[in-house]
All heavy atoms as atom14 arrays in JSON, in Angstrom:
{
  "sequence": "PLEVQKAIVSEIKGYQKVIDGARAVVDNYRPQISIEAEWPIVKLGQLC",
  "atom14_mask": [
    [1, 1, 1, 1, 1, 1, 1, 0, 0, 0, 0, 0, 0, 0],
    [1, 1, 1, 1, 1, 1, 1, 1, 0, 0, 0, 0, 0, 0],
    [1, 1, 1, 1, 1, 1, 1, 1, 1, 0, 0, 0, 0, 0],
    [1, 1, 1, 1, 1, 1, 1, 0, 0, 0, 0, 0, 0, 0],
    [1, 1, 1, 1, 1, 1, 1, 1, 1, 0, 0, 0, 0, 0],
    [1, 1, 1, 1, 1, 1, 1, 1, 1, 0, 0, 0, 0, 0],
    [1, 1, 1, 1, 1, 0, 0, 0, 0, 0, 0, 0, 0, 0],
    [1, 1, 1, 1, 1, 1, 1, 1, 0, 0, 0, 0, 0, 0],
    [1, 1, 1, 1, 1, 1, 1, 0, 0, 0, 0, 0, 0, 0],
    [1, 1, 1, 1, 1, 1, 0, 0, 0, 0, 0, 0, 0, 0],
    [1, 1, 1, 1, 1, 1, 1, 1, 1, 0, 0, 0, 0, 0],
    [1, 1, 1, 1, 1, 1, 1, 1, 0, 0, 0, 0, 0, 0],
    [1, 1, 1, 1, 1, 1, 1, 1, 1, 0, 0, 0, 0, 0],
    [1, 1, 1, 1, 0, 0, 0, 0, 0, 0, 0, 0, 0, 0],
    [1, 1, 1, 1, 1, 1, 1, 1, 1, 1, 1, 1, 0, 0],
    [1, 1, 1, 1, 1, 1, 1, 1, 1, 0, 0, 0, 0, 0],
    [1, 1, 1, 1, 1, 1, 1, 1, 1, 0, 0, 0, 0, 0],
    [1, 1, 1, 1, 1, 1, 1, 0, 0, 0, 0, 0, 0, 0],
    [1, 1, 1, 1, 1, 1, 1, 1, 0, 0, 0, 0, 0, 0],
    [1, 1, 1, 1, 1, 1, 1, 1, 0, 0, 0, 0, 0, 0],
    [1, 1, 1, 1, 0, 0, 0, 0, 0, 0, 0, 0, 0, 0],
    [1, 1, 1, 1, 1, 0, 0, 0, 0, 0, 0, 0, 0, 0],
    [1, 1, 1, 1, 1, 1, 1, 1, 1, 1, 1, 0, 0, 0],
    [1, 1, 1, 1, 1, 0, 0, 0, 0, 0, 0, 0, 0, 0],
    [1, 1, 1, 1, 1, 1, 1, 0, 0, 0, 0, 0, 0, 0],
    [1, 1, 1, 1, 1, 1, 1, 0, 0, 0, 0, 0, 0, 0],
    [1, 1, 1, 1, 1, 1, 1, 1, 0, 0, 0, 0, 0, 0],
    [1, 1, 1, 1, 1, 1, 1, 1, 0, 0, 0, 0, 0, 0],
    [1, 1, 1, 1, 1, 1, 1, 1, 1, 1, 1, 1, 0, 0],
    [1, 1, 1, 1, 1, 1, 1, 1, 1, 1, 1, 0, 0, 0],
    [1, 1, 1, 1, 1, 1, 1, 0, 0, 0, 0, 0, 0, 0],
    [1, 1, 1, 1, 1, 1, 1, 1, 1, 0, 0, 0, 0, 0],
    [1, 1, 1, 1, 1, 1, 1, 1, 0, 0, 0, 0, 0, 0],
    [1, 1, 1, 1, 1, 1, 0, 0, 0, 0, 0, 0, 0, 0],
    [1, 1, 1, 1, 1, 1, 1, 1, 0, 0, 0, 0, 0, 0],
    [1, 1, 1, 1, 1, 1, 1, 1, 1, 0, 0, 0, 0, 0],
    [1, 1, 1, 1, 1, 0, 0, 0, 0, 0, 0, 0, 0, 0],
    [1, 1, 1, 1, 1, 1, 1, 1, 1, 0, 0, 0, 0, 0],
    [1, 1, 1, 1, 1, 1, 1, 1, 1, 1, 1, 1, 1, 1],
    [1, 1, 1, 1, 1, 1, 1, 0, 0, 0, 0, 0, 0, 0],
    [1, 1, 1, 1, 1, 1, 1, 1, 0, 0, 0, 0, 0, 0],
    [1, 1, 1, 1, 1, 1, 1, 0, 0, 0, 0, 0, 0, 0],
    [1, 1, 1, 1, 1, 1, 1, 1, 1, 0, 0, 0, 0, 0],
    [1, 1, 1, 1, 1, 1, 1, 1, 0, 0, 0, 0, 0, 0],
    [1, 1, 1, 1, 0, 0, 0, 0, 0, 0, 0, 0, 0, 0],
    [1, 1, 1, 1, 1, 1, 1, 1, 1, 0, 0, 0, 0, 0],
    [1, 1, 1, 1, 1, 1, 1, 1, 0, 0, 0, 0, 0, 0],
    [1, 1, 1, 1, 1, 1, 0, 0, 0, 0, 0, 0, 0, 0]
  ],
  "atom14_positions": [
    [[-39.21, 26.66, 2.16], [-39.48, 26.42, 3.58], [-38.14, 26.16, 4.3], [-37.16, 25.73, 3.7], [-40.4, 25.22, 3.59], [-40.99, 25.17, 2.24], [-39.98, 25.76, 1.3], [0.0, 0.0, 0.0], [0.0, 0.0, 0.0], [0.0, 0.0, 0.0], [0.0, 0.0, 0.0], [0.0, 0.0, 0.0], [0.0, 0.0, 0.0], [0.0, 0.0, 0.0]],
    [[-38.12, 26.34, 5.6], [-36.89, 26.19, 6.39], [-36.31, 24.77, 6.24], [-35.06, 24.64, 6.17], [-37.2, 26.46, 7.89], [-37.25, 27.96, 8.27], [-37.66, 28.09, 9.73], [-35.91, 28.62, 8.04], [0.0, 0.0, 0.0], [0.0, 0.0, 0.0], [0.0, 0.0, 0.0], [0.0, 0.0, 0.0], [0.0, 0.0, 0.0], [0.0, 0.0, 0.0]],
    [[-37.15, 23.77, 6.21], [-36.61, 22.41, 6.09], [-35.93, 22.23, 4.77], [-34.88, 21.52, 4.69], [-37.78, 21.39, 6.23], [-38.29, 21.26, 7.65], [-37.2, 20.93, 8.67], [-36.39, 20.02, 8.4], [-37.15, 21.6, 9.7], [0.0, 0.0, 0.0], [0.0, 0.0, 0.0], [0.0, 0.0, 0.0], [0.0, 0.0, 0.0], [0.0, 0.0, 0.0]],
    [[-36.44, 22.82, 3.73], [-35.79, 22.73, 2.38], [-34.47, 23.51, 2.42], [-33.46, 23.09, 1.88], [-36.73, 23.27, 1.29], [-36.03, 23.25, -0.07], [-37.99, 22.43, 1.24], [0.0, 0.0, 0.0], [0.0, 0.0, 0.0], [0.0, 0.0, 0.0], [0.0, 0.0, 0.0], [0.0, 0.0, 0.0], [0.0, 0.0, 0.0], [0.0, 0.0, 0.0]],
    [[-34.5, 24.68, 3.07], [-33.26, 25.46, 3.2], [-32.18, 24.63, 3.9], [-31.03, 24.67, 3.48], [-33.53, 26.74, 3.99], [-34.44, 27.75, 3.28], [-34.62, 29.0, 4.13], [-33.71, 29.5, 4.78], [-35.9, 29.48, 4.18], [0.0, 0.0, 0.0], [0.0, 0.0, 0.0], [0.0, 0.0, 0.0], [0.0, 0.0, 0.0], [0.0, 0.0, 0.0]],
    [[-32.56, 23.96, 4.98], [-31.61, 23.17, 5.73], [-31.03, 22.07, 4.84], [-29.81, 21.77, 4.86], [-32.27, 22.54, 6.95], [-32.61, 23.52, 8.03], [-33.33, 22.86, 9.2], [-33.76, 23.86, 10.23], [-34.52, 23.23, 11.33], [0.0, 0.0, 0.0], [0.0, 0.0, 0.0], [0.0, 0.0, 0.0], [0.0, 0.0, 0.0], [0.0, 0.0, 0.0]],
    [[-31.89, 21.44, 4.03], [-31.44, 20.38, 3.12], [-30.47, 20.95, 2.07], [-29.43, 20.28, 1.74], [-32.64, 19.73, 2.44], [0.0, 0.0, 0.0], [0.0, 0.0, 0.0], [0.0, 0.0, 0.0], [0.0, 0.0, 0.0], [0.0, 0.0, 0.0], [0.0, 0.0, 0.0], [0.0, 0.0, 0.0], [0.0, 0.0, 0.0], [0.0, 0.0, 0.0]],
    [[-30.77, 22.11, 1.53], [-29.88, 22.74, 0.53], [-28.53, 23.04, 1.14], [-27.49, 22.75, 0.57], [-30.56, 24.01, -0.02], [-31.78, 23.66, -0.86], [-29.56, 24.84, -0.84], [-32.67, 24.85, -1.19], [0.0, 0.0, 0.0], [0.0, 0.0, 0.0], [0.0, 0.0, 0.0], [0.0, 0.0, 0.0], [0.0, 0.0, 0.0], [0.0, 0.0, 0.0]],
    [[-28.53, 23.67, 2.35], [-27.29, 24.0, 3.02], [-26.49, 22.78, 3.3], [-25.29, 22.69, 3.11], [-27.56, 24.75, 4.34], [-26.32, 24.91, 5.16], [-28.19, 26.15, 4.03], [0.0, 0.0, 0.0], [0.0, 0.0, 0.0], [0.0, 0.0, 0.0], [0.0, 0.0, 0.0], [0.0, 0.0, 0.0], [0.0, 0.0, 0.0], [0.0, 0.0, 0.0]],
    [[-27.17, 21.7, 3.78], [-26.49, 20.42, 4.08], [-25.84, 19.81, 2.84], [-24.69, 19.35, 2.91], [-27.47, 19.45, 4.72], [-26.85, 18.22, 4.96], [0.0, 0.0, 0.0], [0.0, 0.0, 0.0], [0.0, 0.0, 0.0], [0.0, 0.0, 0.0], [0.0, 0.0, 0.0], [0.0, 0.0, 0.0], [0.0, 0.0, 0.0], [0.0, 0.0, 0.0]],
    [[-26.58, 19.83, 1.74], [-26.05, 19.25, 0.49], [-24.8, 20.01, 0.04], [-23.77, 19.38, -0.29], [-27.12, 19.29, -0.61], [-26.67, 18.64, -1.92], [-27.74, 18.64, -2.96], [-28.85, 19.13, -2.7], [-27.47, 18.14, -4.1], [0.0, 0.0, 0.0], [0.0, 0.0, 0.0], [0.0, 0.0, 0.0], [0.0, 0.0, 0.0], [0.0, 0.0, 0.0]],
    [[-24.87, 21.33, 0.03], [-23.73, 22.13, -0.4], [-22.58, 22.0, 0.54], [-21.41, 21.93, 0.09], [-24.15, 23.61, -0.58], [-25.12, 23.73, -1.77], [-22.96, 24.52, -0.8], [-25.63, 25.13, -2.02], [0.0, 0.0, 0.0], [0.0, 0.0, 0.0], [0.0, 0.0, 0.0], [0.0, 0.0, 0.0], [0.0, 0.0, 0.0], [0.0, 0.0, 0.0]],
    [[-22.84, 21.92, 1.87], [-21.77, 21.73, 2.82], [-21.02, 20.43, 2.57], [-19.79, 20.34, 2.68], [-22.34, 21.76, 4.23], [-22.43, 23.13, 4.86], [-22.82, 23.01, 6.33], [-22.78, 24.36, 7.02], [-23.14, 24.26, 8.45], [0.0, 0.0, 0.0], [0.0, 0.0, 0.0], [0.0, 0.0, 0.0], [0.0, 0.0, 0.0], [0.0, 0.0, 0.0]],
    [[-21.77, 19.39, 2.22], [-21.14, 18.11, 1.9], [-20.22, 18.21, 0.72], [-19.11, 17.7, 0.74], [0.0, 0.0, 0.0], [0.0, 0.0, 0.0], [0.0, 0.0, 0.0], [0.0, 0.0, 0.0], [0.0, 0.0, 0.0], [0.0, 0.0, 0.0], [0.0, 0.0, 0.0], [0.0, 0.0, 0.0], [0.0, 0.0, 0.0], [0.0, 0.0, 0.0]],
    [[-20.66, 18.88, -0.33], [-19.8, 19.09, -1.5], [-18.6, 19.95, -1.15], [-17.46, 19.7, -1.6], [-20.56, 19.81, -2.62], [-21.72, 18.97, -3.18], [-22.89, 19.57, -3.64], [-21.66, 17.6, -3.25], [-23.95, 18.86, -4.14], [-22.7, 16.84, -3.75], [-23.85, 17.47, -4.2], [-24.89, 16.73, -4.7], [0.0, 0.0, 0.0], [0.0, 0.0, 0.0]],
    [[-18.8, 20.97, -0.31], [-17.73, 21.88, 0.05], [-16.64, 21.19, 0.87], [-15.45, 21.49, 0.73], [-18.25, 23.09, 0.83], [-17.24, 24.19, 1.03], [-16.77, 24.82, -0.28], [-17.59, 25.16, -1.15], [-15.48, 24.89, -0.51], [0.0, 0.0, 0.0], [0.0, 0.0, 0.0], [0.0, 0.0, 0.0], [0.0, 0.0, 0.0], [0.0, 0.0, 0.0]],
    [[-17.08, 20.22, 1.73], [-16.07, 19.46, 2.48], [-15.15, 18.69, 1.55], [-13.94, 18.61, 1.78], [-16.78, 18.51, 3.44], [-17.36, 19.18, 4.67], [-18.02, 18.14, 5.6], [-18.63, 18.82, 6.83], [-19.32, 17.83, 7.69], [0.0, 0.0, 0.0], [0.0, 0.0, 0.0], [0.0, 0.0, 0.0], [0.0, 0.0, 0.0], [0.0, 0.0, 0.0]],
    [[-15.73, 18.1, 0.5], [-14.89, 17.38, -0.47], [-13.95, 18.35, -1.19], [-12.73, 18.06, -1.33], [-15.77, 16.68, -1.5], [-14.92, 16.02, -2.59], [-16.69, 15.65, -0.83], [0.0, 0.0, 0.0], [0.0, 0.0, 0.0], [0.0, 0.0, 0.0], [0.0, 0.0, 0.0], [0.0, 0.0, 0.0], [0.0, 0.0, 0.0], [0.0, 0.0, 0.0]],
    [[-14.46, 19.53, -1.57], [-13.61, 20.53, -2.21], [-12.5, 20.99, -1.29], [-11.31, 21.07, -1.71], [-14.48, 21.75, -2.63], [-15.41, 21.37, -3.76], [-13.59, 22.91, -3.09], [-16.48, 22.41, -4.13], [0.0, 0.0, 0.0], [0.0, 0.0, 0.0], [0.0, 0.0, 0.0], [0.0, 0.0, 0.0], [0.0, 0.0, 0.0], [0.0, 0.0, 0.0]],
    [[-12.83, 21.26, -0.03], [-11.79, 21.72, 0.92], [-10.71, 20.68, 1.14], [-9.52, 21.02, 1.19], [-12.45, 22.05, 2.27], [-13.37, 23.29, 2.19], [-13.22, 24.05, 1.21], [-14.18, 23.48, 3.1], [0.0, 0.0, 0.0], [0.0, 0.0, 0.0], [0.0, 0.0, 0.0], [0.0, 0.0, 0.0], [0.0, 0.0, 0.0], [0.0, 0.0, 0.0]],
    [[-11.13, 19.42, 1.23], [-10.15, 18.37, 1.42], [-9.25, 18.21, 0.18], [-8.02, 18.09, 0.31], [0.0, 0.0, 0.0], [0.0, 0.0, 0.0], [0.0, 0.0, 0.0], [0.0, 0.0, 0.0], [0.0, 0.0, 0.0], [0.0, 0.0, 0.0], [0.0, 0.0, 0.0], [0.0, 0.0, 0.0], [0.0, 0.0, 0.0], [0.0, 0.0, 0.0]],
    [[-9.84, 18.27, -1.01], [-9.03, 18.16, -2.25], [-8.15, 19.34, -2.43], [-7.0, 19.21, -2.84], [-10.01, 18.01, -3.45], [0.0, 0.0, 0.0], [0.0, 0.0, 0.0], [0.0, 0.0, 0.0], [0.0, 0.0, 0.0], [0.0, 0.0, 0.0], [0.0, 0.0, 0.0], [0.0, 0.0, 0.0], [0.0, 0.0, 0.0], [0.0, 0.0, 0.0]],
    [[-8.67, 20.57, -2.05], [-7.87, 21.76, -2.2], [-6.65, 21.73, -1.24], [-5.55, 22.22, -1.57], [-8.7, 22.99, -1.97], [-7.95, 24.29, -2.23], [-8.91, 25.44, -2.4], [-9.52, 25.43, -3.73], [-10.84, 25.6, -3.97], [-11.64, 25.76, -2.96], [-11.29, 25.59, -5.2], [0.0, 0.0, 0.0], [0.0, 0.0, 0.0], [0.0, 0.0, 0.0]],
    [[-6.85, 21.14, -0.05], [-5.73, 21.03, 0.89], [-4.6, 20.19, 0.28], [-3.43, 20.47, 0.47], [-6.24, 20.42, 2.21], [0.0, 0.0, 0.0], [0.0, 0.0, 0.0], [0.0, 0.0, 0.0], [0.0, 0.0, 0.0], [0.0, 0.0, 0.0], [0.0, 0.0, 0.0], [0.0, 0.0, 0.0], [0.0, 0.0, 0.0], [0.0, 0.0, 0.0]],
    [[-5.03, 19.11, -0.42], [-3.99, 18.26, -1.09], [-3.28, 19.04, -2.15], [-2.04, 19.06, -2.23], [-4.7, 17.04, -1.7], [-3.69, 16.25, -2.53], [-5.28, 16.14, -0.6], [0.0, 0.0, 0.0], [0.0, 0.0, 0.0], [0.0, 0.0, 0.0], [0.0, 0.0, 0.0], [0.0, 0.0, 0.0], [0.0, 0.0, 0.0], [0.0, 0.0, 0.0]],
    [[-4.01, 19.76, -3.03], [-3.44, 20.51, -4.12], [-2.52, 21.62, -3.59], [-1.41, 21.84, -4.11], [-4.55, 21.1, -5.0], [-3.96, 22.07, -6.07], [-5.34, 19.99, -5.69], [0.0, 0.0, 0.0], [0.0, 0.0, 0.0], [0.0, 0.0, 0.0], [0.0, 0.0, 0.0], [0.0, 0.0, 0.0], [0.0, 0.0, 0.0], [0.0, 0.0, 0.0]],
    [[-2.97, 22.34, -2.55], [-2.25, 23.5, -2.06], [-0.99, 23.11, -1.28], [0.01, 23.84, -1.27], [-3.14, 24.36, -1.17], [-4.21, 25.08, -1.95], [-4.12, 25.15, -3.18], [-5.16, 25.58, -1.34], [0.0, 0.0, 0.0], [0.0, 0.0, 0.0], [0.0, 0.0, 0.0], [0.0, 0.0, 0.0], [0.0, 0.0, 0.0], [0.0, 0.0, 0.0]],
    [[-1.04, 21.96, -0.62], [0.06, 21.6, 0.28], [1.01, 20.53, -0.28], [2.07, 20.34, 0.34], [-0.54, 21.09, 1.59], [-1.27, 22.17, 2.35], [-0.68, 23.16, 2.71], [-2.55, 21.97, 2.56], [0.0, 0.0, 0.0], [0.0, 0.0, 0.0], [0.0, 0.0, 0.0], [0.0, 0.0, 0.0], [0.0, 0.0, 0.0], [0.0, 0.0, 0.0]],
    [[0.65, 19.93, -1.42], [1.54, 18.91, -1.93], [2.83, 19.55, -2.45], [2.81, 20.52, -3.26], [0.9, 18.12, -3.04], [1.89, 17.18, -3.73], [2.3, 16.02, -3.09], [2.48, 17.52, -4.94], [3.23, 15.16, -3.7], [3.4, 16.7, -5.51], [3.8, 15.53, -4.93], [4.76, 14.7, -5.5], [0.0, 0.0, 0.0], [0.0, 0.0, 0.0]],
    [[3.95, 19.03, -2.06], [5.27, 19.36, -2.59], [6.04, 18.02, -2.72], [5.98, 17.24, -1.8], [6.04, 20.29, -1.68], [5.4, 21.66, -1.5], [5.41, 22.49, -2.76], [4.8, 23.81, -2.52], [3.51, 24.05, -2.61], [2.65, 23.07, -2.92], [3.03, 25.28, -2.37], [0.0, 0.0, 0.0], [0.0, 0.0, 0.0], [0.0, 0.0, 0.0]],
    [[6.75, 17.82, -3.78], [7.53, 16.59, -3.87], [8.62, 16.54, -2.77], [9.29, 17.51, -2.54], [8.18, 16.69, -5.28], [8.13, 18.13, -5.63], [6.94, 18.69, -4.97], [0.0, 0.0, 0.0], [0.0, 0.0, 0.0], [0.0, 0.0, 0.0], [0.0, 0.0, 0.0], [0.0, 0.0, 0.0], [0.0, 0.0, 0.0], [0.0, 0.0, 0.0]],
    [[8.61, 15.42, -2.08], [9.58, 15.26, -0.97], [10.55, 14.12, -1.32], [10.13, 13.06, -1.76], [8.85, 14.92, 0.33], [7.86, 15.98, 0.81], [8.58, 17.28, 1.19], [9.7, 17.29, 1.63], [7.85, 18.38, 1.06], [0.0, 0.0, 0.0], [0.0, 0.0, 0.0], [0.0, 0.0, 0.0], [0.0, 0.0, 0.0], [0.0, 0.0, 0.0]],
    [[11.84, 14.38, -1.05], [12.83, 13.35, -1.3], [13.58, 13.07, -0.01], [14.21, 13.99, 0.57], [13.84, 13.83, -2.39], [13.11, 14.01, -3.7], [15.0, 12.8, -2.54], [13.95, 14.58, -4.84], [0.0, 0.0, 0.0], [0.0, 0.0, 0.0], [0.0, 0.0, 0.0], [0.0, 0.0, 0.0], [0.0, 0.0, 0.0], [0.0, 0.0, 0.0]],
    [[13.45, 11.88, 0.53], [14.13, 11.54, 1.78], [15.58, 11.21, 1.46], [15.88, 10.26, 0.75], [13.46, 10.28, 2.42], [12.1, 10.59, 2.76], [0.0, 0.0, 0.0], [0.0, 0.0, 0.0], [0.0, 0.0, 0.0], [0.0, 0.0, 0.0], [0.0, 0.0, 0.0], [0.0, 0.0, 0.0], [0.0, 0.0, 0.0], [0.0, 0.0, 0.0]],
    [[16.44, 12.0, 1.97], [17.9, 11.89, 1.66], [18.5, 10.81, 2.54], [18.43, 10.85, 3.78], [18.61, 13.24, 1.9], [17.94, 14.32, 1.01], [20.09, 13.14, 1.58], [18.46, 15.7, 1.26], [0.0, 0.0, 0.0], [0.0, 0.0, 0.0], [0.0, 0.0, 0.0], [0.0, 0.0, 0.0], [0.0, 0.0, 0.0], [0.0, 0.0, 0.0]],
    [[19.15, 9.83, 1.9], [19.85, 8.78, 2.61], [21.26, 9.19, 2.92], [21.9, 9.91, 2.15], [19.87, 7.47, 1.73], [18.49, 7.01, 1.33], [17.68, 6.46, 2.47], [18.31, 6.12, 3.52], [16.44, 6.38, 2.39], [0.0, 0.0, 0.0], [0.0, 0.0, 0.0], [0.0, 0.0, 0.0], [0.0, 0.0, 0.0], [0.0, 0.0, 0.0]],
    [[21.76, 8.74, 4.1], [23.07, 9.15, 4.56], [24.2, 8.74, 3.62], [25.22, 9.41, 3.53], [23.3, 8.56, 5.95], [0.0, 0.0, 0.0], [0.0, 0.0, 0.0], [0.0, 0.0, 0.0], [0.0, 0.0, 0.0], [0.0, 0.0, 0.0], [0.0, 0.0, 0.0], [0.0, 0.0, 0.0], [0.0, 0.0, 0.0], [0.0, 0.0, 0.0]],
    [[24.02, 7.6, 2.96], [25.09, 7.09, 2.08], [25.17, 7.77, 0.71], [26.11, 7.54, -0.03], [24.96, 5.57, 1.87], [23.72, 5.11, 1.13], [22.56, 4.82, 2.06], [22.59, 5.28, 3.24], [21.63, 4.13, 1.65], [0.0, 0.0, 0.0], [0.0, 0.0, 0.0], [0.0, 0.0, 0.0], [0.0, 0.0, 0.0], [0.0, 0.0, 0.0]],
    [[24.19, 8.59, 0.4], [24.26, 9.28, -0.86], [25.35, 10.34, -0.91], [25.48, 11.13, 0.06], [22.93, 9.99, -1.17], [21.74, 9.08, -1.42], [21.74, 7.72, -1.49], [20.38, 9.51, -1.55], [20.49, 7.27, -1.7], [19.58, 8.32, -1.72], [19.71, 10.74, -1.55], [18.25, 8.36, -1.89], [18.35, 10.76, -1.73], [17.62, 9.6, -1.9]],
    [[26.14, 10.37, -1.95], [27.16, 11.44, -2.03], [26.47, 12.8, -2.21], [25.42, 12.95, -2.77], [27.95, 11.07, -3.28], [27.06, 10.2, -4.07], [26.17, 9.45, -3.1], [0.0, 0.0, 0.0], [0.0, 0.0, 0.0], [0.0, 0.0, 0.0], [0.0, 0.0, 0.0], [0.0, 0.0, 0.0], [0.0, 0.0, 0.0], [0.0, 0.0, 0.0]],
    [[27.13, 13.83, -1.7], [26.68, 15.21, -1.83], [27.57, 15.92, -2.81], [28.81, 15.94, -2.62], [26.67, 15.95, -0.47], [25.76, 15.2, 0.54], [26.16, 17.38, -0.66], [24.31, 15.13, 0.16], [0.0, 0.0, 0.0], [0.0, 0.0, 0.0], [0.0, 0.0, 0.0], [0.0, 0.0, 0.0], [0.0, 0.0, 0.0], [0.0, 0.0, 0.0]],
    [[27.04, 16.47, -3.85], [27.84, 17.16, -4.87], [27.27, 18.58, -5.06], [26.18, 18.89, -4.65], [27.82, 16.42, -6.22], [28.3, 15.0, -6.06], [26.4, 16.41, -6.82], [0.0, 0.0, 0.0], [0.0, 0.0, 0.0], [0.0, 0.0, 0.0], [0.0, 0.0, 0.0], [0.0, 0.0, 0.0], [0.0, 0.0, 0.0], [0.0, 0.0, 0.0]],
    [[28.06, 19.41, -5.7], [27.61, 20.76, -6.01], [26.83, 20.75, -7.33], [27.16, 19.97, -8.24], [28.8, 21.72, -6.07], [29.43, 21.95, -4.71], [30.55, 22.97, -4.77], [31.1, 23.19, -3.34], [32.21, 24.19, -3.34], [0.0, 0.0, 0.0], [0.0, 0.0, 0.0], [0.0, 0.0, 0.0], [0.0, 0.0, 0.0], [0.0, 0.0, 0.0]],
    [[25.85, 21.57, -7.39], [24.98, 21.6, -8.6], [25.8, 21.8, -9.89], [25.49, 21.26, -10.91], [23.92, 22.67, -8.46], [22.89, 22.81, -9.61], [22.13, 21.54, -9.79], [21.96, 23.98, -9.36], [0.0, 0.0, 0.0], [0.0, 0.0, 0.0], [0.0, 0.0, 0.0], [0.0, 0.0, 0.0], [0.0, 0.0, 0.0], [0.0, 0.0, 0.0]],
    [[26.84, 22.6, -9.78], [27.7, 22.89, -10.93], [28.4, 21.65, -11.48], [28.87, 21.68, -12.65], [0.0, 0.0, 0.0], [0.0, 0.0, 0.0], [0.0, 0.0, 0.0], [0.0, 0.0, 0.0], [0.0, 0.0, 0.0], [0.0, 0.0, 0.0], [0.0, 0.0, 0.0], [0.0, 0.0, 0.0], [0.0, 0.0, 0.0], [0.0, 0.0, 0.0]],
    [[28.43, 20.57, -10.7], [29.04, 19.33, -11.19], [28.06, 18.53, -12.0], [28.46, 17.58, -12.69], [29.51, 18.48, -10.0], [30.65, 19.07, -9.19], [30.92, 18.26, -7.94], [30.71, 18.65, -6.83], [31.47, 17.07, -8.14], [0.0, 0.0, 0.0], [0.0, 0.0, 0.0], [0.0, 0.0, 0.0], [0.0, 0.0, 0.0], [0.0, 0.0, 0.0]],
    [[26.76, 18.93, -11.98], [25.74, 18.15, -12.69], [25.21, 18.87, -13.92], [24.54, 18.25, -14.75], [24.57, 17.89, -11.74], [24.9, 17.21, -10.43], [23.67, 17.1, -9.56], [25.49, 15.81, -10.67], [0.0, 0.0, 0.0], [0.0, 0.0, 0.0], [0.0, 0.0, 0.0], [0.0, 0.0, 0.0], [0.0, 0.0, 0.0], [0.0, 0.0, 0.0]],
    [[25.48, 20.18, -14.06], [24.89, 20.93, -15.15], [25.69, 22.17, -15.45], [26.58, 22.57, -14.68], [23.44, 21.28, -14.84], [23.27, 22.37, -13.41], [0.0, 0.0, 0.0], [0.0, 0.0, 0.0], [0.0, 0.0, 0.0], [0.0, 0.0, 0.0], [0.0, 0.0, 0.0], [0.0, 0.0, 0.0], [0.0, 0.0, 0.0], [0.0, 0.0, 0.0]]
  ]
}
């Protein structure tokens, strides 16, 4: 019945919102390093 269909759609939409939010975290996360002005700047070849 339509009321049951609405309940099924609502339940799955709720789960999908959680998935979408978690996927946004997974897809967009990148390690960020805030560079301080006093840190020395060296060439990579000096480290490896």
